[in-house]
C-alpha cells in the first residue's frame, strides 16, 4: 500500500490517472499530449503507477495501451477512509434519532395540551 500512496503523491501521476479514468486504453503518445512533461518523464510516471498496480497495460499489436486499475484506490478507501467515517456517520445517525425523538415528544405534548383546553 505504500507504493500506492507514493504514486498518488505526485500531481502528474494523479493527472494521468484522471485521464485514464476519463478514457481508458490510451497510448503513451496520447497520454503525453497536453502535459508539460517529456515523453521519458511520462514513461517513468507510468512505470511507477504500474508498480503500484494503479495502471494495467495491454499490448494491441505494436501499441501499448494503459488502463486504470481502481482496486488499490478502493482498498485505501476501505481501509483508511471508511473506517474513520463510520464513527461520524454513527454519530450523525444518533443525533438525528435524538432530534426526531425530541420532536415527537414536543408534538405529543402539544396535542395533549390542546386536548385539555
Protein backbone atom coordinates (compact mmCIF):
# COMPACT_ATOMS: atom_id res chain seq x y z
CA UNK A 1 0.00 0.00 0.00
CA UNK A 2 2.99 2.32 0.47
CA UNK A 3 3.59 2.19 -3.29
CA UNK A 4 0.05 3.37 -3.91
CA UNK A 5 0.42 6.34 -1.55
CA UNK A 6 3.76 7.26 -3.13
CA UNK A 7 2.27 7.03 -6.60
CA UNK A 8 -0.71 9.19 -5.63
CA UNK A 9 1.53 11.82 -4.01
CA UNK A 10 2.62 13.25 -7.37
CA UNK A 11 0.24 15.63 -9.21
CA UNK A 12 1.39 14.47 -12.66
CA UNK A 13 0.61 10.86 -11.80
CA UNK A 14 -2.80 11.88 -10.46
CA UNK A 15 -3.41 13.74 -13.73
CA UNK A 16 -2.51 10.58 -15.68
CA UNK A 17 -4.92 8.55 -13.55
CA UNK A 18 -7.67 11.13 -14.15
CA UNK A 19 -7.07 10.90 -17.90
CA UNK A 20 -7.20 7.11 -17.79
CA UNK A 21 -10.38 7.28 -15.74
CA UNK A 22 -11.96 9.51 -18.39
CA UNK A 23 -10.74 7.33 -21.27
CA UNK A 24 -9.03 4.01 -20.76
CA UNK A 25 -6.78 2.36 -23.29
CA UNK A 26 -4.61 5.34 -24.12
CA UNK A 27 -1.16 5.03 -25.63
CA UNK A 28 1.91 6.81 -24.33
CA UNK A 29 1.61 9.42 -27.10
CA UNK A 30 -2.00 10.13 -26.18
CA UNK A 31 -1.12 10.50 -22.52
CA UNK A 32 1.77 12.84 -23.32
CA UNK A 33 -0.38 15.29 -25.26
CA UNK A 34 -1.20 18.39 -23.27
CA UNK A 35 1.27 17.68 -20.46
CA UNK A 36 4.33 19.80 -19.75
CA UNK A 37 6.37 16.64 -19.18
CA UNK A 38 8.71 14.90 -21.56
CA UNK A 39 7.78 11.56 -23.07
CA UNK A 40 10.50 9.95 -20.94
CA UNK A 41 9.06 11.64 -17.85
CA UNK A 42 5.57 10.34 -18.59
CA UNK A 43 7.05 6.85 -19.12
CA UNK A 44 8.68 6.99 -15.70
CA UNK A 45 5.43 8.13 -14.08
CA UNK A 46 3.53 5.33 -15.80
CA UNK A 47 6.11 2.80 -14.63
CA UNK A 48 5.61 3.90 -11.02
CA UNK A 49 1.83 3.69 -11.47
CA UNK A 50 2.22 0.18 -12.89
CA UNK A 51 4.43 -0.87 -9.98
CA UNK A 52 1.73 0.38 -7.60
CA UNK A 53 -0.83 -1.65 -9.62
CA UNK A 54 -2.80 1.51 -10.38
CA UNK A 55 -2.26 1.11 -14.13
CA UNK A 56 -2.50 -2.05 -16.18
CA UNK A 57 -1.10 -2.29 -19.68
CA UNK A 58 -2.15 -4.40 -22.61
CA UNK A 59 -0.39 -4.75 -25.93
CA UNK A 60 -2.57 -4.34 -29.00
CA UNK A 61 -0.33 -5.04 -31.95
CA UNK A 62 2.63 -2.70 -31.59
CA UNK A 63 0.76 -0.33 -29.29
CA UNK A 64 0.90 -0.49 -25.53
CA UNK A 65 -2.40 0.65 -24.07
CA UNK A 66 -2.80 1.85 -20.48
CA UNK A 67 -5.84 1.28 -18.29
CA UNK A 68 -6.75 2.46 -14.80
CA UNK A 69 -6.97 -0.24 -12.14
CA UNK A 70 -9.22 1.22 -9.40
CA UNK A 71 -8.79 -1.70 -6.97
CA UNK A 72 -5.85 -0.24 -4.97
CA UNK A 73 -7.73 3.05 -4.54
CA UNK A 74 -10.80 1.13 -3.37
CA UNK A 75 -8.65 -0.75 -0.87
CA UNK A 76 -7.33 2.54 0.50
CA UNK A 77 -10.86 3.88 0.80
CA UNK A 78 -12.00 0.75 2.59
CA UNK A 79 -9.08 0.57 4.98
CA UNK A 80 -8.27 4.21 5.68
CA UNK A 81 -11.26 6.37 4.88
CA UNK A 82 -14.42 4.35 5.51
CA UNK A 83 -13.41 3.21 8.98
CA UNK A 84 -12.91 6.81 10.09
CA UNK A 85 -16.16 7.95 8.52
CA UNK A 86 -18.14 5.15 10.19
CA UNK A 87 -17.87 6.85 13.59
CA UNK A 88 -19.04 10.18 12.25
CA UNK A 89 -21.94 8.63 10.41
CA UNK A 90 -22.98 6.71 13.51
CA UNK A 91 -22.81 9.96 15.49
CA UNK A 92 -24.92 11.81 12.94
CA UNK A 93 -27.49 9.00 12.90
CA UNK A 94 -27.67 9.09 16.71
CA UNK A 95 -28.12 12.89 16.67
CA UNK A 96 -30.86 12.57 14.05
CA UNK A 97 -32.67 9.95 16.13
CA UNK A 98 -32.39 12.11 19.27
CA UNK A 99 -33.76 15.17 17.44
CA UNK A 100 -36.62 13.15 15.99
CA UNK A 101 -37.41 11.79 19.46
CA UNK A 102 -37.45 15.35 20.86
CA UNK A 103 -39.70 16.45 18.02
CA UNK A 104 -42.08 13.53 18.67
CA UNK A 105 -42.17 14.39 22.39
CA UNK A 106 -42.98 18.05 21.72
CA UNK A 107 -45.71 17.07 19.21
CA UNK A 108 -47.35 14.78 21.75
CA UNK A 109 -47.09 17.49 24.43
CA UNK A 110 -48.78 19.98 22.10
CA UNK A 111 -51.60 17.59 21.24
CA UNK A 112 -52.08 16.75 24.94
CA UNK A 113 -52.19 20.44 25.88
CA UNK A 114 -54.62 21.28 23.07
CA UNK A 115 -56.96 18.44 24.04
CA UNK A 116 -57.02 19.68 27.65
CA UNK A 117 -58.28 23.12 26.65
